[in-house]
Structures are given as structure tokens and as C-alpha cells.
Amino acid sequence: MSDTLTTLKNQFEQHKGEYIIVNDRVERFVGIGSDSEDYYYLTYNGKQLKWNHCLSGFVVLKGKIDNKDYNEFIRLAKLNDYHYLIAENKRALNPKDYFDFINLYIKGLEGQLNDEFLTKLHLELPEEL
């Protein structure tokens, strides 16, 4: 395993599921991926999986903003994230919503024939602080 990949996997293990700022967006850090040329931070905004080039870096929010503000991200995810609504049965989704949820992963891979997940996706919400 390359030194870069080891570093990325260590970052993921330390911050998996946490809210981060990456490419000017606040999203959850859910995995590491690669294509034939480079590595990517995988983030999730509740509806879409995004592949963010590892050279962009990220900023961790946990411990850097007030707990009340961090917990607000979690509260909103419980109301809006597709996977949470399905897994927790908090709200009945119609079949179209369910299929949209399944297809979000396919959309995250579109255009990249050689993409590969290097970690298991971590979609669980972080614990409230």
C-alpha cells in the first residue's frame, strides 16, 4: 500500500462519518475511492455521493465549531437524508424515492469506468456531541 493511501485511510478512520468542509461544501466524510490515476475523498450530502480529489484536502468541523451548531447538522440529516429515512423507517418513502436513493451511488460513479471504493461506505450519522 502506498504511503499516500495509508495516510488517506488513516484520515478516514479518524474522521469517518464526520461533517467536513471540502471544496466549499459541508458534507459527511463517508469513504476513500480511486480511479486509474488518483485517490478521492468520498462525501455524502444526504442525497448524492461526491468524489473529491484528495489534493483538495478538507477541514474537520467536529471540535472546531460549537457542539450545538455541529448537532444541528445531525438534526437536519435525520429529517432529510435518504438513507436515514429508509434505515430508520422515520417516514414512509414512495418507491420512486427508494429507487432514487439506490441510484445516487450509480450517479456518484458516472463517467468513471475504473472507479473503485477503497473503504466501505460509512453512511451512519455521527453521534451528537
C-alpha atoms as a PDB file:
ATOM      1  CA  MET A   1       0.000   0.000   0.000  1.00  0.00           C
ATOM      2  CA  SER A   2       1.381   3.422  -0.924  1.00  0.00           C
ATOM      3  CA  ASP A   3       2.213   5.983   1.747  1.00  0.00           C
ATOM      4  CA  THR A   4      -0.474   8.276   0.330  1.00  0.00           C
ATOM      5  CA  LEU A   5      -3.152   5.600   0.540  1.00  0.00           C
ATOM      6  CA  THR A   6      -2.100   4.712   4.094  1.00  0.00           C
ATOM      7  CA  THR A   7      -2.375   8.389   5.081  1.00  0.00           C
ATOM      8  CA  LEU A   8      -5.814   8.720   3.450  1.00  0.00           C
ATOM      9  CA  LYS A   9      -7.129   5.566   5.114  1.00  0.00           C
ATOM     10  CA  ASN A  10      -5.826   6.794   8.493  1.00  0.00           C
ATOM     11  CA  GLN A  11      -7.615  10.135   7.950  1.00  0.00           C
ATOM     12  CA  PHE A  12     -10.787   8.240   7.111  1.00  0.00           C
ATOM     13  CA  GLU A  13     -10.577   6.021  10.196  1.00  0.00           C
ATOM     14  CA  GLN A  14     -10.084   9.095  12.368  1.00  0.00           C
ATOM     15  CA  HIS A  15     -12.936  11.122  10.835  1.00  0.00           C
ATOM     16  CA  LYS A  16     -15.342   8.668   9.161  1.00  0.00           C
ATOM     17  CA  GLY A  17     -18.932   9.848   9.207  1.00  0.00           C
ATOM     18  CA  GLU A  18     -17.985  13.300  10.479  1.00  0.00           C
ATOM     19  CA  TYR A  19     -19.010  16.559   8.880  1.00  0.00           C
ATOM     20  CA  ILE A  20     -16.173  18.223   6.995  1.00  0.00           C
ATOM     21  CA  ILE A  21     -15.705  21.163   4.670  1.00  0.00           C
ATOM     22  CA  VAL A  22     -14.457  20.009   1.276  1.00  0.00           C
ATOM     23  CA  ASN A  23     -14.432  22.142  -1.875  1.00  0.00           C
ATOM     24  CA  ASP A  24     -16.544  24.869  -0.148  1.00  0.00           C
ATOM     25  CA  ARG A  25     -19.292  22.402   0.911  1.00  0.00           C
ATOM     26  CA  VAL A  26     -20.200  20.902   4.283  1.00  0.00           C
ATOM     27  CA  GLU A  27     -20.722  17.158   3.797  1.00  0.00           C
ATOM     28  CA  ARG A  28     -20.154  13.894   5.639  1.00  0.00           C
ATOM     29  CA  PHE A  29     -16.876  12.028   5.066  1.00  0.00           C
ATOM     30  CA  VAL A  30     -18.012   8.520   4.055  1.00  0.00           C
ATOM     31  CA  GLY A  31     -15.101   6.825   2.295  1.00  0.00           C
ATOM     32  CA  ILE A  32     -11.994   6.754   0.131  1.00  0.00           C
ATOM     33  CA  GLY A  33     -12.021   5.884  -3.561  1.00  0.00           C
ATOM     34  CA  SER A  34      -9.661   5.744  -6.501  1.00  0.00           C
ATOM     35  CA  ASP A  35      -9.582   5.698 -10.260  1.00  0.00           C
ATOM     36  CA  SER A  36      -6.733   4.714 -12.544  1.00  0.00           C
ATOM     37  CA  GLU A  37      -4.869   7.935 -11.739  1.00  0.00           C
ATOM     38  CA  ASP A  38      -5.559   9.179  -8.202  1.00  0.00           C
ATOM     39  CA  TYR A  39      -7.373   8.973  -4.862  1.00  0.00           C
ATOM     40  CA  TYR A  40     -10.587  10.681  -3.739  1.00  0.00           C
ATOM     41  CA  TYR A  41     -12.379  11.654  -0.545  1.00  0.00           C
ATOM     42  CA  LEU A  42     -15.951  10.351  -0.806  1.00  0.00           C
ATOM     43  CA  THR A  43     -18.521  12.645   0.777  1.00  0.00           C
ATOM     44  CA  TYR A  44     -22.286  12.464   1.108  1.00  0.00           C
ATOM     45  CA  ASN A  45     -24.734  15.358   1.341  1.00  0.00           C
ATOM     46  CA  GLY A  46     -27.810  13.276   2.143  1.00  0.00           C
ATOM     47  CA  LYS A  47     -28.801  12.863  -1.488  1.00  0.00           C
ATOM     48  CA  GLN A  48     -25.598  12.418  -3.536  1.00  0.00           C
ATOM     49  CA  LEU A  49     -22.250  10.737  -3.193  1.00  0.00           C
ATOM     50  CA  LYS A  50     -19.426  13.068  -4.290  1.00  0.00           C
ATOM     51  CA  TRP A  51     -15.881  12.207  -5.372  1.00  0.00           C
ATOM     52  CA  ASN A  52     -13.495  14.966  -4.202  1.00  0.00           C
ATOM     53  CA  HIS A  53      -9.880  14.920  -5.354  1.00  0.00           C
ATOM     54  CA  CYS A  54      -7.575  14.192  -2.422  1.00  0.00           C
ATOM     55  CA  LEU A  55      -5.354  17.161  -3.316  1.00  0.00           C
ATOM     56  CA  SER A  56      -8.195  19.493  -2.313  1.00  0.00           C
ATOM     57  CA  GLY A  57      -7.883  18.486   1.341  1.00  0.00           C
ATOM     58  CA  PHE A  58     -10.636  19.036   3.889  1.00  0.00           C
ATOM     59  CA  VAL A  59     -11.383  20.834   7.160  1.00  0.00           C
ATOM     60  CA  VAL A  60     -12.800  18.895  10.114  1.00  0.00           C
ATOM     61  CA  LEU A  61     -15.701  20.635  11.875  1.00  0.00           C
ATOM     62  CA  LYS A  62     -16.001  18.413  14.966  1.00  0.00           C
ATOM     63  CA  GLY A  63     -14.355  20.153  17.892  1.00  0.00           C
ATOM     64  CA  LYS A  64     -13.874  23.370  15.905  1.00  0.00           C
ATOM     65  CA  ILE A  65     -17.420  24.710  15.997  1.00  0.00           C
ATOM     66  CA  ASP A  66     -19.876  24.820  18.908  1.00  0.00           C
ATOM     67  CA  ASN A  67     -21.414  21.437  19.742  1.00  0.00           C
ATOM     68  CA  LYS A  68     -24.878  22.987  19.346  1.00  0.00           C
ATOM     69  CA  ASP A  69     -24.050  24.002  15.763  1.00  0.00           C
ATOM     70  CA  TYR A  70     -22.500  20.615  14.930  1.00  0.00           C
ATOM     71  CA  ASN A  71     -25.553  18.830  16.332  1.00  0.00           C
ATOM     72  CA  GLU A  72     -27.759  20.952  14.056  1.00  0.00           C
ATOM     73  CA  PHE A  73     -26.156  19.234  11.029  1.00  0.00           C
ATOM     74  CA  ILE A  74     -27.085  15.870  12.564  1.00  0.00           C
ATOM     75  CA  ARG A  75     -30.640  17.005  13.340  1.00  0.00           C
ATOM     76  CA  LEU A  76     -31.154  18.143   9.754  1.00  0.00           C
ATOM     77  CA  ALA A  77     -29.725  14.891   8.381  1.00  0.00           C
ATOM     78  CA  LYS A  78     -32.241  12.914  10.430  1.00  0.00           C
ATOM     79  CA  LEU A  79     -35.010  14.875   8.732  1.00  0.00           C
ATOM     80  CA  ASN A  80     -33.667  14.835   5.171  1.00  0.00           C
ATOM     81  CA  ASP A  81     -31.060  12.156   4.347  1.00  0.00           C
ATOM     82  CA  TYR A  82     -32.444   9.391   2.127  1.00  0.00           C
ATOM     83  CA  HIS A  83     -30.505   6.593   3.790  1.00  0.00           C
ATOM     84  CA  TYR A  84     -31.562   7.681   7.272  1.00  0.00           C
ATOM     85  CA  LEU A  85     -35.223   7.860   6.326  1.00  0.00           C
ATOM     86  CA  ILE A  86     -35.087   4.360   4.869  1.00  0.00           C
ATOM     87  CA  ALA A  87     -32.909   2.720   7.534  1.00  0.00           C
ATOM     88  CA  GLU A  88     -34.737   4.235  10.486  1.00  0.00           C
ATOM     89  CA  ASN A  89     -38.242   3.999   8.990  1.00  0.00           C
ATOM     90  CA  LYS A  90     -38.908   7.507  10.232  1.00  0.00           C
ATOM     91  CA  ARG A  91     -41.006   8.393   7.210  1.00  0.00           C
ATOM     92  CA  ALA A  92     -42.688   6.247   4.580  1.00  0.00           C
ATOM     93  CA  LEU A  93     -40.987   6.753   1.234  1.00  0.00           C
ATOM     94  CA  ASN A  94     -42.713   6.013  -2.006  1.00  0.00           C
ATOM     95  CA  PRO A  95     -40.989   3.549  -4.381  1.00  0.00           C
ATOM     96  CA  LYS A  96     -39.626   6.339  -6.594  1.00  0.00           C
ATOM     97  CA  ASP A  97     -37.777   7.868  -3.630  1.00  0.00           C
ATOM     98  CA  TYR A  98     -36.293   4.489  -2.757  1.00  0.00           C
ATOM     99  CA  PHE A  99     -35.022   3.947  -6.298  1.00  0.00           C
ATOM    100  CA  ASP A 100     -33.626   7.490  -6.358  1.00  0.00           C
ATOM    101  CA  PHE A 101     -31.711   6.605  -3.187  1.00  0.00           C
ATOM    102  CA  ILE A 102     -30.231   3.454  -4.740  1.00  0.00           C
ATOM    103  CA  ASN A 103     -29.314   5.324  -7.921  1.00  0.00           C
ATOM    104  CA  LEU A 104     -27.393   8.043  -6.085  1.00  0.00           C
ATOM    105  CA  TYR A 105     -24.439   5.662  -5.819  1.00  0.00           C
ATOM    106  CA  ILE A 106     -24.525   4.977  -9.532  1.00  0.00           C
ATOM    107  CA  LYS A 107     -24.589   8.725 -10.190  1.00  0.00           C
ATOM    108  CA  GLY A 108     -21.532   9.088  -7.954  1.00  0.00           C
ATOM    109  CA  LEU A 109     -19.678   6.766 -10.309  1.00  0.00           C
ATOM    110  CA  GLU A 110     -20.919   8.073 -13.652  1.00  0.00           C
ATOM    111  CA  GLY A 111     -18.235   8.672 -16.238  1.00  0.00           C
ATOM    112  CA  GLN A 112     -15.568   6.763 -14.332  1.00  0.00           C
ATOM    113  CA  LEU A 113     -15.205   3.206 -15.573  1.00  0.00           C
ATOM    114  CA  ASN A 114     -12.193   2.496 -13.381  1.00  0.00           C
ATOM    115  CA  ASP A 115     -13.511   3.910 -10.091  1.00  0.00           C
ATOM    116  CA  GLU A 116     -13.065   1.744  -7.027  1.00  0.00           C
ATOM    117  CA  PHE A 117     -14.171   2.037  -3.407  1.00  0.00           C
ATOM    118  CA  LEU A 118     -11.123   1.566  -1.165  1.00  0.00           C
ATOM    119  CA  THR A 119     -13.108   1.638   2.069  1.00  0.00           C
ATOM    120  CA  LYS A 120     -16.586   0.508   2.982  1.00  0.00           C
ATOM    121  CA  LEU A 121     -19.005   3.438   2.750  1.00  0.00           C
ATOM    122  CA  HIS A 122     -19.786   4.778   6.222  1.00  0.00           C
ATOM    123  CA  LEU A 123     -23.275   6.277   5.991  1.00  0.00           C
ATOM    124  CA  GLU A 124     -24.105   6.147   9.693  1.00  0.00           C
ATOM    125  CA  LEU A 125     -24.746   9.522  11.265  1.00  0.00           C
ATOM    126  CA  PRO A 126     -22.201  10.728  13.808  1.00  0.00           C
ATOM    127  CA  GLU A 127     -23.148  10.757  17.481  1.00  0.00           C
ATOM    128  CA  GLU A 128     -24.457  14.031  18.814  1.00  0.00           C
ATOM    129  CA  LEU A 129     -21.939  15.972  20.912  1.00  0.00           C
END
